Structures are given as structure tokens and as C-alpha cells.
Amino acid sequence: MRLKIFFKLIFIVLWVFIASSCVKEKLKRKPNVLFIFTDDQSYSTIHALGNTKIKTPNMDKLVQGGVSFRNAYIMGGSSPAVCSPSRASLFSGLTLWNLENQGIYGFEISEKHKTLPQVFLENGYVTFATGKNEPGRKGHFARSFSDGDKILFRGMTESQYRLPLCPFSAEGNYSSEKEVIHEGTHSAEVYADACIRFLERQTENEQPFFAYVAFQTPHDPRQAPDKFRELYNDDEMELPASFLPQHPFDNGMLNIRDENLAGFPRTPEEVKKHIADYYAMISHDDYQIGRIMDALQKSGKFDNTIIVFASDNGLAVGKHGLMGKQNVYEHSVRVPLIVSGPGIPRGEARDQLCYIYDIYPTLCERAGLPTPETVQFKTLNKVIDGKEGVHREHLYFAFMSWQRAIRNDQFKLIEYCVHGKRFTQLFDLKTDPEELNNLAGNREYTLPLDELRKLLELEKENLNDGNTAFEFTRNQGEKFWNTFSSVDRSEFPKLNVDDFNDN
């Protein structure tokens, strides 16, 4: 009897050992994830993606080593701080109008929804974060990350060299009283250093990791180190094709802080300076990304790491007479999205329409992890692997109560309703990617205008956009034609918003 018990115990011990070994071996095969997220970086700010005026050698390497998406977008913003709902959608997998807690601003993520890093944490990953983590102070950061360093729980700082940062807390205590002021080192370097230290600790760790590096740049204050600012001469900067001294009508948010960063009316000289400052910040971020890539290589983990590079929103920087991102023009909602790693094609581009938030189910599927049922976005893996022709037929955008937009493969419709005044814009993005020529008053474009209006109304319902103050009526073509005709860009500064009022 004792012998039977002895052999039974031996069997159990062996079974536990074998099972444990299998789990460890399975985890060893899981890909790591390095997610690099910048702040306020438009799609058009990477050399390898078409901007020959900017220097981004390390971002270029990411483009050359993976799949870049030419039509990746955010959904817009339900808050003037567009980064908050954008990051909340990224982490929660929820569309803009389904974000919970503190309204739809995205300042926190309900416990009902597992965050992207939380899924990885619950499946055996070490999860690490550094940098800007808005939302997150009250709860979701603690349940998402098992490690971290130099964490910013604010939308921005007054200086890139004076940072109120929280250390990692195993107890999840990230109150403002825990913040420590770090001075003298640029924020991008602080966060890169923190990530590099983490990667160095993973060299001998067989456990897979999910590392999230959230730069707070190129968001202002745009204080790049001198050697990066010296790369750009103000006078040599090119004005954007859509440069205007002022926006031609009230879009609902023309006097916000972002818009007051430059004078009114905008001048070519001041906008060129802002562009040079903006590019310098991006080149500095690029340098820090290069340092992180070097550390990843040295750790021996590079070949088994999925690398994602994206940004929370874009920025106008003088386009359409705007400086900020409180709008739904291409420069503010279209952002870079680059994915590389094991099994991912190298140096290829994809034109399919997508949201950057589609990366949530994409990473889960790529790592063989379950995607929570609450996630409302679509995996991009078939697109990445070249096996899907159309990912999304159209995309819907919104900015607070004033702006709604929708685009398909060719056309983009923007509808405004500000203080009872209505204005419509229709652009052919294939022939007019800079959104210069408004076609809404052109009889030749009645059909796409009407179709997009119907689709906009349908998507408004599908996406739970419950803004009752923003209602649409169809078949208004004749009124639009009688009110205004197709407007040449050179006439924009002379127009009054009443010229476009169709009420």
C-alpha cells in the first residue's frame, strides 16, 4: 500500500514537472511585443513614407523591416485633449462613443473591459510601461502592468526637461503625491533610458514581455536638443499646400490652447518655424528609438519581438489655418502604423483603411492569446499577411459635438454644426489628398455626397454616437448649390461663415 502511494506521488511530481516544463517551453515560444507610441505625430512625418525634408533613419528602418499602413487613422476625439480618448480606445478596444467612466472622454477604463496589456499579463507575460500613460492613474495601469518606470500621468508637461513622474508601484498607488520631479534630462531620453534598462533585465529572462514606450513628444512644448534643432533651417521649410492664414469658418474650437500657439492670422515665417521645431522633435524621438532598437538587439530578443510603431493623433501645424488636432482633416486623424517582427513581411506597404485600434485584436491573435469579447475592432493579420483585399470599406470620424466625417476608398465628407450654423466639405482624396478643393457645392458630385451622407447617418447609429444635437437631413443638394459653389482655395480667407450657412 505504501509502495503504491509512493509511486503515485512520484507520478504526480513528474506530471507537475512535465506540465510546468511544457508551459515554460510554450511561453518561451511566445513572441515579445515592443509597442512604441508617440504623441501628435502625423503620418506625413517619416522620411521613408514620403517626406524627404525630415530625417528619421530609425523610423525608416522600421518601415523597411515590416509592414506600414498608408491609411491608418484614429476615430477623432470626444475631448479637446484628443490623446485621452485615443489612448483609451487603443487600450480598451472600444470605439470612441462606447468609452466608459467619466463620460466619453476616456480618462479611465472600466474594469469591465480588459486592457490590451492586461490580456498579455494574464497569459504569462511581463508587462512594462514607461512614459505618458493617460488614461490610467486610478486603476487600469495597475491591472495592466507588472513592471514600469518613469510614468507620466498627465496630458503634457510645461517643459520637456522638468517631469513629474511616478515610479512603478506594486500596490498600484499612483497618486499625485507619489510623483517625483525629474529635471535636466529630456523626456524622450528619460523614457528611452527606462525602456533600455528593462530590456537589459530581460536578457536572461525566459518569460515573454510586452513593453509599452509612450513618448510625450513631439507634443509641445517643442524643445528639441540643439543638435537636432540645428538639422532644420526655418527658411528652408516648405509651407504645406493647405497653408492658410486662418481657417475659413468656425469649426467649434478655434480658440483652444493648441490654436493659440501661433498668432492670428498665421504667417508663413511663424508656421515654418513651428514646422522646423516639430521636425526636430521627431528626429530626436527617432534617435531614442534607435537606442531602444540597439538594446533590443543586444538583449537577444529582437528576432522574436513584434514591434509596433504608431501615434495617438496627428497635428495641423499650419495646415488649413490650424495648429492643433481638434479637427477631422487628414493631417490630424491619419497617423503612422508600422508592424514588424517574426513572420511579418519586410518592406511592404498596405493601403487598406483601418483604425490604429485594430492593433489590439491583431496582437492578441499574433501571440495566440484570446481576444476579449468586448473588443470592437478588427484584426489586421490577414492584411499584414497579404491575404485580405478590403479590411474596412469606410471609416467614421468625430470631434466632440461639432464635427462628423466619413471616408470611403475615394471620397471624404465632413459635416459641421457650430452654434446652429452648418457647413459641408467633400474631398476627393485620390486627386486631392491635401483636402484643398471642396466639392460639396459641385453638381457633378451629388451622388457621392448623398451616398456619404446616408452612410454617415447609418454609422452614427451603428457606433452609438448619441449626440442628438448633431442631426442630418438628406436631399439638401439644391439648397447647397444655391448657397455656395465650389470654392477655390485662394478665396478661403475672404469668406464669412454666413456664406456657408444652409439653415
Protein backbone atom coordinates (compact mmCIF):
# COMPACT_ATOMS: atom_id res chain seq x y z
CA MET A 1 0.00 0.00 0.00
CA ARG A 2 2.81 2.37 0.94
CA LEU A 3 4.60 1.44 -2.29
CA LYS A 4 1.51 2.34 -4.34
CA ILE A 5 1.26 5.69 -2.59
CA PHE A 6 4.98 6.29 -3.16
CA PHE A 7 4.71 5.60 -6.91
CA LYS A 8 1.56 7.71 -7.11
CA LEU A 9 3.42 10.64 -5.53
CA ILE A 10 6.32 10.11 -7.93
CA PHE A 11 3.87 10.16 -10.84
CA ILE A 12 2.24 13.39 -9.63
CA VAL A 13 5.63 15.08 -9.17
CA LEU A 14 6.73 14.01 -12.65
CA TRP A 15 3.43 15.15 -14.15
CA VAL A 16 3.71 18.56 -12.49
CA PHE A 17 7.34 18.86 -13.64
CA ILE A 18 6.48 17.91 -17.22
CA ALA A 19 3.44 20.18 -17.29
CA SER A 20 5.48 23.05 -15.86
CA SER A 21 8.21 22.44 -18.42
CA CYS A 22 5.64 22.44 -21.23
CA VAL A 23 4.18 25.72 -20.01
CA LYS A 24 7.64 27.27 -19.80
CA GLU A 25 8.52 25.99 -23.27
CA LYS A 26 5.24 27.31 -24.66
CA LEU A 27 5.87 30.72 -23.09
CA LYS A 28 9.41 30.75 -24.50
CA ARG A 29 7.93 30.41 -27.98
CA LYS A 30 5.50 33.29 -27.48
CA PRO A 31 6.57 36.47 -29.28
CA ASN A 32 7.55 39.50 -27.28
CA VAL A 33 5.87 42.83 -28.04
CA LEU A 34 7.53 46.25 -28.12
CA PHE A 35 4.92 48.97 -28.61
CA ILE A 36 6.31 52.46 -29.32
CA PHE A 37 3.72 55.24 -29.22
CA THR A 38 4.42 58.90 -29.97
CA ASP A 39 2.23 61.93 -29.25
CA ASP A 40 0.90 64.25 -32.00
CA GLN A 41 2.80 62.68 -34.90
CA SER A 42 1.12 62.87 -38.31
CA TYR A 43 1.51 60.21 -40.98
CA SER A 44 3.45 62.63 -43.18
CA THR A 45 6.43 62.96 -40.83
CA ILE A 46 8.56 59.92 -41.74
CA HIS A 47 11.21 60.10 -44.45
CA ALA A 48 10.60 56.57 -45.74
CA LEU A 49 6.87 57.29 -46.05
CA GLY A 50 7.39 60.19 -48.43
CA ASN A 51 8.63 63.24 -46.52
CA THR A 52 12.09 63.94 -47.92
CA LYS A 53 12.52 67.05 -45.71
CA ILE A 54 12.60 65.15 -42.41
CA LYS A 55 15.38 62.95 -41.02
CA THR A 56 14.08 59.74 -39.44
CA PRO A 57 16.65 56.98 -40.11
CA ASN A 58 15.41 54.66 -37.36
CA MET A 59 11.72 55.01 -38.21
CA ASP A 60 12.82 54.34 -41.80
CA LYS A 61 14.38 51.06 -40.62
CA LEU A 62 11.05 50.10 -39.06
CA VAL A 63 9.35 50.80 -42.40
CA GLN A 64 11.96 48.75 -44.25
CA GLY A 65 11.73 45.90 -41.76
CA GLY A 66 7.98 45.48 -41.62
CA VAL A 67 4.55 46.41 -42.95
CA SER A 68 3.50 50.08 -42.99
CA PHE A 69 -0.13 51.13 -43.29
CA ARG A 70 -0.77 54.10 -45.58
CA ASN A 71 -4.35 54.60 -44.44
CA ALA A 72 -4.32 54.13 -40.67
CA TYR A 73 -6.49 56.52 -38.65
CA ILE A 74 -7.78 57.42 -35.23
CA MET A 75 -11.54 57.92 -34.78
CA GLY A 76 -11.25 61.57 -33.78
CA GLY A 77 -11.84 62.99 -30.34
CA SER A 78 -14.59 63.26 -27.74
CA SER A 79 -12.39 65.64 -25.75
CA PRO A 80 -10.22 68.65 -26.67
CA ALA A 81 -7.33 66.51 -25.39
CA VAL A 82 -7.65 64.07 -28.30
CA CYS A 83 -4.88 61.87 -26.87
CA SER A 84 -7.07 60.75 -23.93
CA PRO A 85 -9.89 59.04 -25.85
CA SER A 86 -7.42 57.83 -28.48
CA ARG A 87 -5.27 56.03 -25.91
CA ALA A 88 -8.37 54.75 -24.13
CA SER A 89 -9.62 53.22 -27.39
CA LEU A 90 -6.19 51.71 -28.01
CA PHE A 91 -6.06 50.03 -24.60
CA SER A 92 -9.74 49.12 -24.19
CA GLY A 93 -10.61 48.07 -27.74
CA LEU A 94 -13.73 50.25 -27.52
CA THR A 95 -14.89 52.65 -30.20
CA LEU A 96 -14.96 56.35 -29.42
CA TRP A 97 -18.58 56.58 -28.36
CA ASN A 98 -18.52 53.45 -26.20
CA LEU A 99 -15.78 54.56 -23.83
CA GLU A 100 -16.95 54.44 -20.25
CA ASN A 101 -16.09 56.17 -16.96
CA GLN A 102 -16.04 59.94 -16.74
CA GLY A 103 -18.26 60.32 -19.74
CA ILE A 104 -16.78 59.61 -23.15
CA TYR A 105 -13.55 61.49 -22.57
CA GLY A 106 -11.56 58.32 -21.96
CA PHE A 107 -9.87 59.43 -18.75
CA GLU A 108 -10.19 55.94 -17.29
CA ILE A 109 -11.11 52.43 -18.49
CA SER A 110 -13.82 50.48 -16.70
CA GLU A 111 -12.86 47.22 -15.01
CA LYS A 112 -15.49 45.55 -17.19
CA HIS A 113 -13.01 45.78 -20.06
CA LYS A 114 -9.65 44.05 -20.13
CA THR A 115 -6.92 46.27 -21.45
CA LEU A 116 -4.53 45.16 -24.18
CA PRO A 117 -1.52 44.73 -21.83
CA GLN A 118 -3.78 43.12 -19.22
CA VAL A 119 -4.56 40.28 -21.65
CA PHE A 120 -0.82 39.68 -22.06
CA LEU A 121 -0.21 39.91 -18.31
CA GLU A 122 -2.91 37.34 -17.57
CA ASN A 123 -1.33 34.99 -20.10
CA GLY A 124 2.12 34.83 -18.57
CA TYR A 125 3.81 37.95 -19.94
CA VAL A 126 5.89 40.50 -18.09
CA THR A 127 4.20 43.80 -18.94
CA PHE A 128 6.19 47.03 -18.71
CA ALA A 129 5.36 50.68 -19.32
CA THR A 130 7.17 53.98 -19.31
CA GLY A 131 6.24 57.48 -20.39
CA LYS A 132 2.85 59.05 -20.94
CA ASN A 133 0.04 56.90 -19.61
CA GLU A 134 -3.14 58.89 -19.92
CA PRO A 135 -5.63 57.46 -19.01
CA GLY A 136 -4.63 55.23 -16.12
CA ARG A 137 -3.83 56.85 -12.77
CA LYS A 138 -6.87 55.50 -10.92
CA GLY A 139 -6.98 51.88 -11.96
CA HIS A 140 -6.25 50.47 -15.35
CA PHE A 141 -2.48 50.99 -15.18
CA ALA A 142 -2.18 48.86 -12.05
CA ARG A 143 -4.10 45.93 -13.52
CA SER A 144 -2.27 46.20 -16.86
CA PHE A 145 1.42 46.32 -15.94
CA SER A 146 3.65 44.17 -13.74
CA ASP A 147 6.64 46.47 -14.19
CA GLY A 148 7.31 50.08 -15.10
CA ASP A 149 9.46 53.13 -14.58
CA LYS A 150 9.25 56.91 -15.07
CA ILE A 151 5.49 57.05 -15.61
CA LEU A 152 3.69 60.28 -16.56
CA PHE A 153 0.01 60.51 -15.61
CA ARG A 154 -0.59 63.88 -17.26
CA GLY A 155 -1.50 65.05 -20.72
CA MET A 156 1.61 67.18 -21.06
CA THR A 157 4.29 68.96 -19.05
CA GLU A 158 5.34 72.61 -19.03
CA SER A 159 8.86 71.63 -20.01
CA GLN A 160 10.42 68.58 -21.64
CA TYR A 161 13.18 68.90 -19.05
CA ARG A 162 11.06 69.03 -15.88
CA LEU A 163 8.87 65.96 -15.45
CA PRO A 164 6.50 64.98 -12.59
CA LEU A 165 6.92 61.18 -12.86
CA CYS A 166 5.71 58.25 -10.80
CA PRO A 167 7.86 55.23 -10.03
CA PHE A 168 6.33 51.79 -10.51
CA SER A 169 4.11 50.76 -7.60
CA ALA A 170 3.42 47.08 -6.91
CA GLU A 171 0.43 48.25 -4.82
CA GLY A 172 -0.94 50.33 -7.68
CA ASN A 173 -0.59 53.62 -5.81
CA TYR A 174 -0.08 56.33 -8.44
CA SER A 175 -1.49 59.34 -6.63
CA SER A 176 -0.03 62.73 -7.42
CA GLU A 177 1.72 62.64 -4.03
CA LYS A 178 3.93 59.84 -5.40
CA GLU A 179 5.26 61.97 -8.25
CA VAL A 180 8.95 62.81 -8.26
CA ILE A 181 10.25 65.79 -10.23
CA HIS A 182 12.95 64.80 -12.73
CA GLU A 183 14.96 67.71 -14.09
CA GLY A 184 17.74 68.20 -16.60
CA THR A 185 17.15 65.29 -19.00
CA HIS A 186 14.79 65.47 -21.99
CA SER A 187 11.60 63.43 -21.61
CA ALA A 188 12.26 61.29 -24.70
CA GLU A 189 15.66 60.31 -23.34
CA VAL A 190 14.21 59.58 -19.88
CA TYR A 191 11.68 57.14 -21.34
CA ALA A 192 14.17 55.54 -23.73
CA ASP A 193 16.57 55.01 -20.80
CA ALA A 194 13.81 53.36 -18.77
CA CYS A 195 12.95 51.01 -21.64
CA ILE A 196 16.61 50.15 -22.22
CA ARG A 197 17.06 49.22 -18.55
CA PHE A 198 14.01 46.97 -18.81
CA LEU A 199 15.33 45.25 -21.94
CA GLU A 200 18.67 44.68 -20.26
CA ARG A 201 16.88 42.87 -17.43
CA GLN A 202 15.16 40.57 -19.94
CA THR A 203 18.37 39.12 -21.38
CA GLU A 204 18.27 36.05 -19.11
CA ASN A 205 14.50 36.03 -18.59
CA GLU A 206 12.69 33.27 -20.49
CA GLN A 207 9.32 34.88 -19.78
CA PRO A 208 7.95 36.83 -22.79
CA PHE A 209 7.37 40.55 -22.40
CA PHE A 210 5.00 43.28 -23.53
CA ALA A 211 6.81 46.64 -23.34
CA TYR A 212 4.93 49.91 -23.91
CA VAL A 213 7.03 53.04 -24.50
CA ALA A 214 4.82 56.14 -24.68
CA PHE A 215 6.72 59.27 -25.66
CA GLN A 216 5.06 62.59 -24.79
CA THR A 217 6.65 64.11 -27.89
CA PRO A 218 6.52 65.65 -30.50
CA HIS A 219 3.68 67.27 -28.49
CA ASP A 220 4.61 70.77 -27.37
CA PRO A 221 6.47 72.31 -25.68
CA ARG A 222 8.71 71.61 -28.66
CA GLN A 223 12.11 71.76 -27.03
CA ALA A 224 14.45 69.56 -29.02
CA PRO A 225 18.15 69.37 -28.02
CA ASP A 226 20.24 71.82 -30.04
CA LYS A 227 21.92 69.24 -32.27
CA PHE A 228 18.50 68.11 -33.53
CA ARG A 229 17.08 71.62 -33.90
CA GLU A 230 20.16 72.54 -35.95
CA LEU A 231 19.16 69.90 -38.52
CA TYR A 232 16.38 72.23 -39.69
CA ASN A 233 16.60 75.77 -41.03
CA ASP A 234 13.36 77.71 -40.68
CA ASP A 235 13.76 79.37 -44.07
CA GLU A 236 14.21 76.02 -45.82
CA MET A 237 10.96 74.58 -44.51
CA GLU A 238 8.21 74.22 -47.11
CA LEU A 239 4.79 75.62 -46.35
CA PRO A 240 2.11 72.94 -46.63
CA ALA A 241 -0.07 73.07 -49.73
CA SER A 242 -3.08 73.69 -47.49
CA PHE A 243 -1.50 76.60 -45.60
CA LEU A 244 -3.99 79.35 -44.81
CA PRO A 245 -3.68 82.50 -42.67
CA GLN A 246 -6.88 81.46 -40.91
CA HIS A 247 -9.49 78.74 -41.00
CA PRO A 248 -12.35 79.93 -43.23
CA PHE A 249 -15.21 79.18 -40.83
CA ASP A 250 -15.86 78.33 -37.18
CA ASN A 251 -15.20 74.62 -36.62
CA GLY A 252 -16.16 74.81 -32.94
CA MET A 253 -12.67 75.05 -31.44
CA LEU A 254 -10.61 77.82 -32.97
CA ASN A 255 -9.56 79.42 -29.70
CA ILE A 256 -8.23 76.43 -27.78
CA ARG A 257 -4.69 76.42 -26.35
CA ASP A 258 -3.31 74.47 -29.33
CA GLU A 259 -4.55 77.12 -31.77
CA ASN A 260 -3.06 79.92 -29.68
CA LEU A 261 0.45 78.54 -30.07
CA ALA A 262 0.75 80.73 -33.18
CA GLY A 263 -0.56 84.21 -33.88
CA PHE A 264 -3.62 85.22 -35.89
CA PRO A 265 -3.51 85.44 -38.81
CA ARG A 266 -0.88 82.74 -39.38
CA THR A 267 2.22 83.97 -41.15
CA PRO A 268 4.49 81.87 -43.39
CA GLU A 269 7.51 82.71 -41.25
CA GLU A 270 5.92 81.59 -37.98
CA VAL A 271 4.49 78.40 -39.47
CA LYS A 272 7.89 77.48 -40.95
CA LYS A 273 9.44 77.89 -37.50
CA HIS A 274 6.79 75.62 -35.99
CA ILE A 275 7.40 73.01 -38.69
CA ALA A 276 11.16 73.10 -38.01
CA ASP A 277 10.52 72.72 -34.26
CA TYR A 278 8.12 69.84 -34.95
CA TYR A 279 10.55 68.01 -37.22
CA ALA A 280 13.39 68.46 -34.73
CA MET A 281 11.31 66.83 -32.01
CA ILE A 282 10.51 63.89 -34.28
CA SER A 283 14.16 63.46 -35.23
CA HIS A 284 15.05 63.41 -31.53
CA ASP A 285 12.38 60.76 -30.89
CA ASP A 286 13.81 58.85 -33.83
CA TYR A 287 17.26 58.87 -32.23
CA GLN A 288 15.86 57.50 -28.97
CA ILE A 289 14.01 54.79 -30.87
CA GLY A 290 17.34 53.81 -32.43
CA ARG A 291 18.82 53.43 -28.94
CA ILE A 292 15.90 51.19 -27.94
CA MET A 293 16.34 49.06 -31.06
CA ASP A 294 20.04 48.64 -30.28
CA ALA A 295 19.18 47.48 -26.76
CA LEU A 296 16.62 45.03 -28.13
CA GLN A 297 19.28 43.58 -30.42
CA LYS A 298 21.78 43.25 -27.56
CA SER A 299 19.17 41.50 -25.41
CA GLY A 300 18.97 38.67 -27.94
CA LYS A 301 15.19 39.14 -28.14
CA PHE A 302 14.96 41.07 -31.41
CA ASP A 303 14.18 38.14 -33.73
CA ASN A 304 11.23 37.06 -31.58
CA THR A 305 9.74 40.51 -30.94
CA ILE A 306 6.75 42.10 -32.65
CA ILE A 307 7.45 45.83 -32.92
CA VAL A 308 4.55 48.25 -33.31
CA PHE A 309 5.06 51.95 -34.01
CA ALA A 310 2.13 54.38 -34.05
CA SER A 311 0.93 57.74 -32.75
CA ASP A 312 -2.17 58.80 -30.81
CA ASN A 313 -3.19 61.53 -33.28
CA GLY A 314 -1.78 63.87 -35.88
CA LEU A 315 -1.38 67.66 -35.93
CA ALA A 316 -2.14 70.54 -38.29
CA VAL A 317 0.96 72.76 -37.82
CA GLY A 318 -0.35 75.45 -40.17
CA LYS A 319 -2.50 73.35 -42.48
CA HIS A 320 -5.98 74.75 -43.15
CA GLY A 321 -5.10 77.70 -40.93
CA LEU A 322 -4.95 75.40 -37.88
CA MET A 323 -2.20 74.46 -35.43
CA GLY A 324 -3.76 71.69 -33.34
CA LYS A 325 -5.55 68.36 -33.73
CA GLN A 326 -9.10 69.36 -32.78
CA ASN A 327 -10.41 68.59 -36.25
CA VAL A 328 -11.00 65.65 -38.60
CA TYR A 329 -8.79 66.67 -41.53
CA GLU A 330 -6.29 64.08 -42.75
CA HIS A 331 -3.34 65.76 -41.04
CA SER A 332 -4.96 65.25 -37.65
CA VAL A 333 -6.65 61.83 -37.90
CA ARG A 334 -4.26 59.94 -40.22
CA VAL A 335 -1.26 58.58 -38.35
CA PRO A 336 1.66 56.19 -38.87
CA LEU A 337 1.19 52.50 -38.13
CA ILE A 338 4.12 50.15 -38.71
CA VAL A 339 4.26 46.50 -37.64
CA SER A 340 7.32 44.24 -37.87
CA GLY A 341 8.52 41.01 -36.34
CA PRO A 342 8.55 37.24 -36.73
CA GLY A 343 6.52 36.05 -39.71
CA ILE A 344 5.69 39.61 -40.83
CA PRO A 345 6.67 40.67 -44.39
CA ARG A 346 9.53 43.13 -44.67
CA GLY A 347 9.46 46.45 -46.52
CA GLU A 348 5.85 46.20 -47.66
CA ALA A 349 3.00 48.72 -47.50
CA ARG A 350 -0.75 48.27 -47.22
CA ASP A 351 -3.42 50.66 -48.49
CA GLN A 352 -6.43 49.18 -46.68
CA LEU A 353 -8.44 51.53 -44.50
CA CYS A 354 -8.00 50.77 -40.81
CA TYR A 355 -8.00 52.24 -37.34
CA ILE A 356 -4.82 52.01 -35.28
CA TYR A 357 -7.00 50.43 -32.58
CA ASP A 358 -7.28 47.36 -34.80
CA ILE A 359 -3.87 46.52 -33.37
CA TYR A 360 -5.50 45.22 -30.14
CA PRO A 361 -7.01 42.04 -31.66
CA THR A 362 -4.10 41.85 -34.10
CA LEU A 363 -1.52 41.46 -31.33
CA CYS A 364 -3.68 39.05 -29.34
CA GLU A 365 -4.14 36.82 -32.38
CA ARG A 366 -0.48 37.09 -33.37
CA ALA A 367 0.58 35.94 -29.90
CA GLY A 368 -2.03 33.18 -29.77
CA LEU A 369 -3.95 34.85 -26.94
CA PRO A 370 -7.74 35.18 -26.60
CA THR A 371 -9.24 38.49 -27.69
CA PRO A 372 -11.85 39.69 -25.17
CA GLU A 373 -15.41 39.68 -26.48
CA THR A 374 -15.78 43.36 -25.58
CA VAL A 375 -13.16 44.41 -28.16
CA GLN A 376 -14.91 46.24 -31.02
CA PHE A 377 -12.07 46.44 -33.55
CA LYS A 378 -10.91 44.04 -36.28
CA THR A 379 -7.69 42.08 -36.54
CA LEU A 380 -5.27 43.20 -39.25
CA ASN A 381 -3.42 39.91 -39.55
CA LYS A 382 -4.89 38.92 -42.90
CA VAL A 383 -3.97 42.36 -44.22
CA ILE A 384 -0.46 42.05 -42.80
CA ASP A 385 -0.05 38.62 -44.40
CA GLY A 386 -1.36 39.90 -47.74
CA LYS A 387 -4.50 37.71 -47.62
CA GLU A 388 -7.24 40.36 -47.34
CA GLY A 389 -8.19 42.83 -50.05
CA VAL A 390 -10.60 45.11 -48.17
CA HIS A 391 -10.33 45.49 -44.42
CA ARG A 392 -12.86 48.29 -43.94
CA GLU A 393 -15.00 49.84 -46.66
CA HIS A 394 -15.27 53.13 -44.80
CA LEU A 395 -14.13 54.95 -41.66
CA TYR A 396 -16.13 57.23 -39.37
CA PHE A 397 -14.66 60.23 -37.54
CA ALA A 398 -15.94 62.68 -34.95
CA PHE A 399 -14.75 65.64 -32.95
CA MET A 400 -16.92 66.49 -29.95
CA SER A 401 -20.36 67.80 -30.87
CA TRP A 402 -19.31 69.93 -33.81
CA GLN A 403 -17.70 67.75 -36.45
CA ARG A 404 -18.57 64.43 -38.09
CA ALA A 405 -16.86 62.83 -41.07
CA ILE A 406 -16.78 59.65 -43.09
CA ARG A 407 -14.49 58.43 -45.84
CA ASN A 408 -14.50 55.55 -48.27
CA ASP A 409 -11.80 54.48 -50.69
CA GLN A 410 -12.07 57.78 -52.61
CA PHE A 411 -14.21 60.47 -51.02
CA LYS A 412 -14.36 62.09 -47.62
CA LEU A 413 -17.35 64.01 -46.27
CA ILE A 414 -17.08 66.40 -43.32
CA GLU A 415 -20.18 67.94 -41.75
CA TYR A 416 -20.01 70.79 -39.25
CA CYS A 417 -22.68 72.17 -36.96
CA VAL A 418 -21.47 75.05 -34.78
CA HIS A 419 -23.83 77.41 -32.96
CA GLY A 420 -26.63 76.45 -35.33
CA LYS A 421 -24.55 77.09 -38.43
CA ARG A 422 -24.00 74.26 -40.88
CA PHE A 423 -21.15 73.69 -43.29
CA THR A 424 -20.25 70.76 -45.51
CA GLN A 425 -16.97 69.72 -47.11
CA LEU A 426 -16.46 66.96 -49.67
CA PHE A 427 -12.99 65.97 -50.85
CA ASP A 428 -11.74 63.54 -53.46
CA LEU A 429 -8.77 62.10 -51.58
CA LYS A 430 -7.41 60.30 -54.63
CA THR A 431 -6.90 63.51 -56.59
CA ASP A 432 -6.80 65.93 -53.66
CA PRO A 433 -5.05 64.27 -50.67
CA GLU A 434 -4.33 67.65 -49.05
CA GLU A 435 -8.07 68.48 -48.95
CA LEU A 436 -7.80 71.73 -50.87
CA ASN A 437 -10.85 71.68 -53.13
CA ASN A 438 -14.29 71.46 -51.52
CA LEU A 439 -16.62 69.65 -53.94
CA ALA A 440 -19.76 69.85 -51.81
CA GLY A 441 -21.33 72.55 -53.97
CA ASN A 442 -20.45 70.94 -57.31
CA ARG A 443 -23.40 69.33 -59.15
CA GLU A 444 -21.12 66.64 -60.57
CA TYR A 445 -20.60 65.22 -57.09
CA THR A 446 -24.22 64.98 -55.98
CA LEU A 447 -24.16 61.18 -55.94
CA PRO A 448 -21.10 60.64 -53.70
CA LEU A 449 -22.28 63.49 -51.44
CA ASP A 450 -25.70 61.90 -50.99
CA GLU A 451 -24.29 58.40 -50.54
CA LEU A 452 -21.82 59.51 -47.90
CA ARG A 453 -24.50 61.46 -46.04
CA LYS A 454 -26.65 58.35 -45.84
CA LEU A 455 -23.66 56.29 -44.74
CA LEU A 456 -22.72 58.90 -42.14
CA GLU A 457 -26.18 58.73 -40.62
CA LEU A 458 -26.09 54.93 -40.60
CA GLU A 459 -22.66 54.75 -38.96
CA LYS A 460 -23.73 57.35 -36.42
CA GLU A 461 -26.29 54.83 -35.19
CA ASN A 462 -24.06 51.77 -35.55
CA LEU A 463 -21.29 53.33 -33.48
CA ASN A 464 -23.59 54.55 -30.72
CA ASP A 465 -22.84 58.19 -31.48
CA GLY A 466 -25.63 59.55 -29.33
CA ASN A 467 -25.10 63.24 -29.95
CA THR A 468 -28.68 64.37 -30.55
CA ALA A 469 -27.54 67.92 -31.27
CA PHE A 470 -25.98 66.74 -34.48
CA GLU A 471 -28.70 65.64 -36.87
CA PHE A 472 -28.59 65.28 -40.61
CA THR A 473 -31.17 65.69 -43.29
CA ARG A 474 -30.76 64.36 -46.78
CA ASN A 475 -31.67 65.68 -50.21
CA GLN A 476 -30.34 69.15 -49.47
CA GLY A 477 -28.33 69.34 -52.66
CA GLU A 478 -30.32 72.14 -54.27
CA LYS A 479 -30.03 74.33 -51.19
CA PHE A 480 -26.29 73.77 -51.09
CA TRP A 481 -25.91 74.67 -54.78
CA ASN A 482 -27.89 77.88 -54.30
CA THR A 483 -25.88 78.83 -51.21
CA PHE A 484 -22.36 78.33 -52.45
CA SER A 485 -20.39 76.86 -55.27
CA SER A 486 -17.09 75.01 -55.35
CA VAL A 487 -14.59 77.31 -53.65
CA ASP A 488 -11.10 77.97 -54.88
CA ARG A 489 -8.54 77.72 -52.09
CA SER A 490 -7.22 81.22 -52.71
CA GLU A 491 -10.64 82.64 -51.81
CA PHE A 492 -10.89 80.94 -48.41
CA PRO A 493 -9.55 83.75 -46.22
CA LYS A 494 -12.14 86.18 -47.64
CA LEU A 495 -15.17 84.03 -46.86
CA ASN A 496 -17.56 84.54 -43.99
CA VAL A 497 -19.15 81.58 -42.25
CA ASP A 498 -22.61 83.00 -43.05
CA ASP A 499 -21.85 82.35 -46.72
CA PHE A 500 -22.00 78.64 -45.90
CA ASN A 501 -24.98 78.61 -43.59
CA ASP A 502 -27.70 76.39 -45.03
CA ASN A 503 -30.16 76.59 -42.14
